[in-house]
Amino acid sequence: MASAVPEAARLLNQRIIARESLDSLVPAALKLKKQIKRFALDNELDHLPIGDIVSVALDEWLTTCGF
């Protein structure tokens, strides 16, 4: 059965998309904010929306799990 959920990376490339809040706290020890900032600097990205990163990561993980 084909999924009705579009691929996150393709969806995020659209000019206008509806968004919803996904409240979550992450362990500070992972230093995810620092890693994301470093990634953006290393890749010469002015702005890297955390929500987009989370969307792609969760989409890939859930797809791998078969959802």
PDB file of N, CA and C in Angstrom:
ATOM      1  N   MET A   1       0.840  -1.175   0.000  1.00  0.00           N
ATOM      2  CA  MET A   1       0.000   0.000   0.000  1.00  0.00           C
ATOM      3  C   MET A   1       0.893   1.250   0.000  1.00  0.00           C
ATOM      4  N   ALA A   2       0.655   2.152  -0.913  1.00  0.00           N
ATOM      5  CA  ALA A   2       1.455   3.369  -1.024  1.00  0.00           C
ATOM      6  C   ALA A   2       1.076   4.347   0.085  1.00  0.00           C
ATOM      7  N   SER A   3       2.074   5.000   0.617  1.00  0.00           N
ATOM      8  CA  SER A   3       1.852   5.962   1.695  1.00  0.00           C
ATOM      9  C   SER A   3       1.328   7.273   1.118  1.00  0.00           C
ATOM     10  N   ALA A   4       0.421   7.921   1.842  1.00  0.00           N
ATOM     11  CA  ALA A   4      -0.104   9.219   1.435  1.00  0.00           C
ATOM     12  C   ALA A   4       0.772  10.354   1.945  1.00  0.00           C
ATOM     13  N   VAL A   5       1.831  10.029   2.674  1.00  0.00           N
ATOM     14  CA  VAL A   5       2.721  11.041   3.239  1.00  0.00           C
ATOM     15  C   VAL A   5       3.840  11.323   2.237  1.00  0.00           C
ATOM     16  N   PRO A   6       4.003  12.579   1.825  1.00  0.00           N
ATOM     17  CA  PRO A   6       5.069  12.899   0.867  1.00  0.00           C
ATOM     18  C   PRO A   6       6.446  12.833   1.512  1.00  0.00           C
ATOM     19  N   GLU A   7       7.467  12.661   0.705  1.00  0.00           N
ATOM     20  CA  GLU A   7       8.846  12.650   1.188  1.00  0.00           C
ATOM     21  C   GLU A   7       9.177  14.037   1.737  1.00  0.00           C
ATOM     22  N   ALA A   8       9.755  14.099   2.920  1.00  0.00           N
ATOM     23  CA  ALA A   8      10.009  15.376   3.605  1.00  0.00           C
ATOM     24  C   ALA A   8      10.884  16.308   2.786  1.00  0.00           C
ATOM     25  N   ALA A   9      11.965  15.812   2.228  1.00  0.00           N
ATOM     26  CA  ALA A   9      12.882  16.670   1.479  1.00  0.00           C
ATOM     27  C   ALA A   9      12.172  17.324   0.295  1.00  0.00           C
ATOM     28  N   ARG A  10      11.322  16.577  -0.403  1.00  0.00           N
ATOM     29  CA  ARG A  10      10.579  17.123  -1.538  1.00  0.00           C
ATOM     30  C   ARG A  10       9.562  18.162  -1.058  1.00  0.00           C
ATOM     31  N   LEU A  11       8.880  17.866   0.026  1.00  0.00           N
ATOM     32  CA  LEU A  11       7.887  18.774   0.586  1.00  0.00           C
ATOM     33  C   LEU A  11       8.511  20.100   1.012  1.00  0.00           C
ATOM     34  N   LEU A  12       9.682  20.036   1.636  1.00  0.00           N
ATOM     35  CA  LEU A  12      10.341  21.248   2.131  1.00  0.00           C
ATOM     36  C   LEU A  12      10.834  22.157   1.007  1.00  0.00           C
ATOM     37  N   ASN A  13      10.967  21.620  -0.203  1.00  0.00           N
ATOM     38  CA  ASN A  13      11.393  22.424  -1.347  1.00  0.00           C
ATOM     39  C   ASN A  13      10.266  23.253  -1.936  1.00  0.00           C
ATOM     40  N   GLN A  14       9.038  23.022  -1.492  1.00  0.00           N
ATOM     41  CA  GLN A  14       7.914  23.812  -1.975  1.00  0.00           C
ATOM     42  C   GLN A  14       7.995  25.225  -1.396  1.00  0.00           C
ATOM     43  N   ARG A  15       7.501  26.177  -2.136  1.00  0.00           N
ATOM     44  CA  ARG A  15       7.605  27.578  -1.717  1.00  0.00           C
ATOM     45  C   ARG A  15       6.780  27.862  -0.464  1.00  0.00           C
ATOM     46  N   ILE A  16       5.552  27.396  -0.436  1.00  0.00           N
ATOM     47  CA  ILE A  16       4.664  27.643   0.694  1.00  0.00           C
ATOM     48  C   ILE A  16       4.134  26.300   1.192  1.00  0.00           C
ATOM     49  N   ILE A  17       4.346  26.036   2.482  1.00  0.00           N
ATOM     50  CA  ILE A  17       3.824  24.811   3.080  1.00  0.00           C
ATOM     51  C   ILE A  17       3.210  25.140   4.433  1.00  0.00           C
ATOM     52  N   ALA A  18       2.149  24.425   4.765  1.00  0.00           N
ATOM     53  CA  ALA A  18       1.546  24.572   6.090  1.00  0.00           C
ATOM     54  C   ALA A  18       2.465  23.906   7.106  1.00  0.00           C
ATOM     55  N   ARG A  19       2.572  24.498   8.266  1.00  0.00           N
ATOM     56  CA  ARG A  19       3.425  23.933   9.317  1.00  0.00           C
ATOM     57  C   ARG A  19       2.621  23.766  10.595  1.00  0.00           C
ATOM     58  N   GLU A  20       3.067  22.830  11.418  1.00  0.00           N
ATOM     59  CA  GLU A  20       2.479  22.637  12.735  1.00  0.00           C
ATOM     60  C   GLU A  20       3.595  22.445  13.740  1.00  0.00           C
ATOM     61  N   SER A  21       3.324  22.749  14.997  1.00  0.00           N
ATOM     62  CA  SER A  21       4.329  22.658  16.043  1.00  0.00           C
ATOM     63  C   SER A  21       4.512  21.214  16.491  1.00  0.00           C
ATOM     64  N   LEU A  22       5.755  20.850  16.706  1.00  0.00           N
ATOM     65  CA  LEU A  22       6.090  19.537  17.257  1.00  0.00           C
ATOM     66  C   LEU A  22       6.973  19.821  18.464  1.00  0.00           C
ATOM     67  N   ASP A  23       6.358  19.912  19.631  1.00  0.00           N
ATOM     68  CA  ASP A  23       7.092  20.259  20.845  1.00  0.00           C
ATOM     69  C   ASP A  23       7.941  19.073  21.303  1.00  0.00           C
ATOM     70  N   SER A  24       9.202  19.357  21.565  1.00  0.00           N
ATOM     71  CA  SER A  24      10.103  18.305  21.989  1.00  0.00           C
ATOM     72  C   SER A  24      11.296  18.910  22.717  1.00  0.00           C
ATOM     73  N   LEU A  25      11.759  18.222  23.716  1.00  0.00           N
ATOM     74  CA  LEU A  25      12.986  18.597  24.410  1.00  0.00           C
ATOM     75  C   LEU A  25      14.026  17.526  24.116  1.00  0.00           C
ATOM     76  N   VAL A  26      15.244  17.938  23.926  1.00  0.00           N
ATOM     77  CA  VAL A  26      16.316  16.988  23.632  1.00  0.00           C
ATOM     78  C   VAL A  26      17.383  17.096  24.717  1.00  0.00           C
ATOM     79  N   PRO A  27      18.135  16.018  24.929  1.00  0.00           N
ATOM     80  CA  PRO A  27      19.192  16.062  25.940  1.00  0.00           C
ATOM     81  C   PRO A  27      20.258  17.114  25.600  1.00  0.00           C
ATOM     82  N   ALA A  28      20.514  18.001  26.534  1.00  0.00           N
ATOM     83  CA  ALA A  28      21.514  19.050  26.329  1.00  0.00           C
ATOM     84  C   ALA A  28      22.899  18.468  26.082  1.00  0.00           C
ATOM     85  N   ALA A  29      23.173  17.315  26.663  1.00  0.00           N
ATOM     86  CA  ALA A  29      24.490  16.691  26.524  1.00  0.00           C
ATOM     87  C   ALA A  29      24.820  16.344  25.073  1.00  0.00           C
ATOM     88  N   LEU A  30      23.792  16.202  24.225  1.00  0.00           N
ATOM     89  CA  LEU A  30      24.043  15.902  22.813  1.00  0.00           C
ATOM     90  C   LEU A  30      24.562  17.112  22.049  1.00  0.00           C
ATOM     91  N   LYS A  31      24.360  18.289  22.607  1.00  0.00           N
ATOM     92  CA  LYS A  31      24.831  19.537  21.999  1.00  0.00           C
ATOM     93  C   LYS A  31      24.384  19.661  20.544  1.00  0.00           C
ATOM     94  N   LEU A  32      23.110  19.335  20.300  1.00  0.00           N
ATOM     95  CA  LEU A  32      22.588  19.354  18.938  1.00  0.00           C
ATOM     96  C   LEU A  32      22.591  20.757  18.335  1.00  0.00           C
ATOM     97  N   LYS A  33      22.263  21.772  19.114  1.00  0.00           N
ATOM     98  CA  LYS A  33      22.277  23.143  18.584  1.00  0.00           C
ATOM     99  C   LYS A  33      23.678  23.521  18.112  1.00  0.00           C
ATOM    100  N   LYS A  34      24.678  23.174  18.898  1.00  0.00           N
ATOM    101  CA  LYS A  34      26.064  23.477  18.534  1.00  0.00           C
ATOM    102  C   LYS A  34      26.464  22.734  17.258  1.00  0.00           C
ATOM    103  N   GLN A  35      26.069  21.471  17.170  1.00  0.00           N
ATOM    104  CA  GLN A  35      26.392  20.679  15.978  1.00  0.00           C
ATOM    105  C   GLN A  35      25.724  21.249  14.727  1.00  0.00           C
ATOM    106  N   ILE A  36      24.466  21.681  14.871  1.00  0.00           N
ATOM    107  CA  ILE A  36      23.741  22.240  13.730  1.00  0.00           C
ATOM    108  C   ILE A  36      24.392  23.552  13.281  1.00  0.00           C
ATOM    109  N   LYS A  37      24.760  24.393  14.239  1.00  0.00           N
ATOM    110  CA  LYS A  37      25.431  25.647  13.895  1.00  0.00           C
ATOM    111  C   LYS A  37      26.752  25.381  13.179  1.00  0.00           C
ATOM    112  N   ARG A  38      27.502  24.416  13.663  1.00  0.00           N
ATOM    113  CA  ARG A  38      28.787  24.072  13.044  1.00  0.00           C
ATOM    114  C   ARG A  38      28.583  23.540  11.627  1.00  0.00           C
ATOM    115  N   PHE A  39      27.565  22.690  11.464  1.00  0.00           N
ATOM    116  CA  PHE A  39      27.237  22.152  10.139  1.00  0.00           C
ATOM    117  C   PHE A  39      26.911  23.294   9.177  1.00  0.00           C
ATOM    118  N   ALA A  40      26.097  24.249   9.636  1.00  0.00           N
ATOM    119  CA  ALA A  40      25.719  25.383   8.789  1.00  0.00           C
ATOM    120  C   ALA A  40      26.946  26.200   8.395  1.00  0.00           C
ATOM    121  N   LEU A  41      27.839  26.444   9.344  1.00  0.00           N
ATOM    122  CA  LEU A  41      29.061  27.195   9.047  1.00  0.00           C
ATOM    123  C   LEU A  41      29.951  26.439   8.067  1.00  0.00           C
ATOM    124  N   ASP A  42      30.144  25.159   8.305  1.00  0.00           N
ATOM    125  CA  ASP A  42      31.005  24.348   7.442  1.00  0.00           C
ATOM    126  C   ASP A  42      30.475  24.244   6.022  1.00  0.00           C
ATOM    127  N   ASN A  43      29.154  24.380   5.869  1.00  0.00           N
ATOM    128  CA  ASN A  43      28.532  24.240   4.556  1.00  0.00           C
ATOM    129  C   ASN A  43      28.074  25.573   3.982  1.00  0.00           C
ATOM    130  N   GLU A  44      28.560  26.671   4.583  1.00  0.00           N
ATOM    131  CA  GLU A  44      28.285  28.022   4.122  1.00  0.00           C
ATOM    132  C   GLU A  44      26.785  28.288   3.950  1.00  0.00           C
ATOM    133  N   LEU A  45      26.018  27.859   4.947  1.00  0.00           N
ATOM    134  CA  LEU A  45      24.578  28.080   4.945  1.00  0.00           C
ATOM    135  C   LEU A  45      24.264  29.229   5.887  1.00  0.00           C
ATOM    136  N   ASP A  46      23.535  30.225   5.388  1.00  0.00           N
ATOM    137  CA  ASP A  46      23.181  31.371   6.218  1.00  0.00           C
ATOM    138  C   ASP A  46      22.148  30.996   7.269  1.00  0.00           C
ATOM    139  N   HIS A  47      21.204  30.169   6.887  1.00  0.00           N
ATOM    140  CA  HIS A  47      20.110  29.825   7.784  1.00  0.00           C
ATOM    141  C   HIS A  47      19.757  28.356   7.566  1.00  0.00           C
ATOM    142  N   LEU A  48      19.681  27.628   8.631  1.00  0.00           N
ATOM    143  CA  LEU A  48      19.341  26.217   8.554  1.00  0.00           C
ATOM    144  C   LEU A  48      18.229  25.953   9.560  1.00  0.00           C
ATOM    145  N   PRO A  49      16.962  25.957   9.107  1.00  0.00           N
ATOM    146  CA  PRO A  49      15.841  25.802  10.034  1.00  0.00           C
ATOM    147  C   PRO A  49      15.873  24.445  10.743  1.00  0.00           C
ATOM    148  N   ILE A  50      15.900  24.488  12.064  1.00  0.00           N
ATOM    149  CA  ILE A  50      15.935  23.254  12.846  1.00  0.00           C
ATOM    150  C   ILE A  50      14.716  22.389  12.542  1.00  0.00           C
ATOM    151  N   GLY A  51      13.566  23.033  12.360  1.00  0.00           N
ATOM    152  CA  GLY A  51      12.356  22.279  12.045  1.00  0.00           C
ATOM    153  C   GLY A  51      12.483  21.460  10.770  1.00  0.00           C
ATOM    154  N   ASP A  52      13.190  22.007   9.768  1.00  0.00           N
ATOM    155  CA  ASP A  52      13.385  21.271   8.519  1.00  0.00           C
ATOM    156  C   ASP A  52      14.309  20.083   8.733  1.00  0.00           C
ATOM    157  N   ILE A  53      15.347  20.261   9.532  1.00  0.00           N
ATOM    158  CA  ILE A  53      16.268  19.161   9.831  1.00  0.00           C
ATOM    159  C   ILE A  53      15.516  18.043  10.550  1.00  0.00           C
ATOM    160  N   VAL A  54      14.736  18.427  11.549  1.00  0.00           N
ATOM    161  CA  VAL A  54      13.962  17.449  12.314  1.00  0.00           C
ATOM    162  C   VAL A  54      12.970  16.724  11.404  1.00  0.00           C
ATOM    163  N   SER A  55      12.328  17.467  10.516  1.00  0.00           N
ATOM    164  CA  SER A  55      11.356  16.867   9.608  1.00  0.00           C
ATOM    165  C   SER A  55      11.991  15.788   8.737  1.00  0.00           C
ATOM    166  N   VAL A  56      13.136  16.115   8.146  1.00  0.00           N
ATOM    167  CA  VAL A  56      13.808  15.153   7.269  1.00  0.00           C
ATOM    168  C   VAL A  56      14.312  13.956   8.072  1.00  0.00           C
ATOM    169  N   ALA A  57      14.909  14.205   9.231  1.00  0.00           N
ATOM    170  CA  ALA A  57      15.446  13.110  10.053  1.00  0.00           C
ATOM    171  C   ALA A  57      14.341  12.171  10.523  1.00  0.00           C
ATOM    172  N   LEU A  58      13.245  12.728  11.025  1.00  0.00           N
ATOM    173  CA  LEU A  58      12.142  11.884  11.485  1.00  0.00           C
ATOM    174  C   LEU A  58      11.489  11.138  10.333  1.00  0.00           C
ATOM    175  N   ASP A  59      11.330  11.820   9.199  1.00  0.00           N
ATOM    176  CA  ASP A  59      10.754  11.173   8.028  1.00  0.00           C
ATOM    177  C   ASP A  59      11.598   9.980   7.590  1.00  0.00           C
ATOM    178  N   GLU A  60      12.902  10.169   7.522  1.00  0.00           N
ATOM    179  CA  GLU A  60      13.790   9.068   7.100  1.00  0.00           C
ATOM    180  C   GLU A  60      13.762   7.923   8.108  1.00  0.00           C
ATOM    181  N   TRP A  61      13.777   8.258   9.399  1.00  0.00           N
ATOM    182  CA  TRP A  61      13.762   7.222  10.438  1.00  0.00           C
ATOM    183  C   TRP A  61      12.456   6.438  10.407  1.00  0.00           C
ATOM    184  N   LEU A  62      11.329   7.148  10.346  1.00  0.00           N
ATOM    185  CA  LEU A  62      10.026   6.467  10.324  1.00  0.00           C
ATOM    186  C   LEU A  62       9.855   5.628   9.055  1.00  0.00           C
ATOM    187  N   THR A  63      10.323   6.156   7.914  1.00  0.00           N
ATOM    188  CA  THR A  63      10.244   5.393   6.670  1.00  0.00           C
ATOM    189  C   THR A  63      11.075   4.122   6.779  1.00  0.00           C
ATOM    190  N   THR A  64      12.266   4.230   7.358  1.00  0.00           N
ATOM    191  CA  THR A  64      13.123   3.054   7.551  1.00  0.00           C
ATOM    192  C   THR A  64      12.458   2.017   8.458  1.00  0.00           C
ATOM    193  N   CYS A  65      11.689   2.506   9.437  1.00  0.00           N
ATOM    194  CA  CYS A  65      10.969   1.617  10.357  1.00  0.00           C
ATOM    195  C   CYS A  65       9.699   1.045   9.721  1.00  0.00           C
ATOM    196  N   GLY A  66       9.374   1.475   8.521  1.00  0.00           N
ATOM    197  CA  GLY A  66       8.222   0.918   7.809  1.00  0.00           C
ATOM    198  C   GLY A  66       6.934   1.701   7.965  1.00  0.00           C
ATOM    199  N   PHE A  67       7.021   2.929   8.428  1.00  0.00           N
ATOM    200  CA  PHE A  67       5.816   3.752   8.600  1.00  0.00           C
ATOM    201  C   PHE A  67       5.703   4.793   7.516  1.00  0.00           C
TER     202      PHE A  67
END
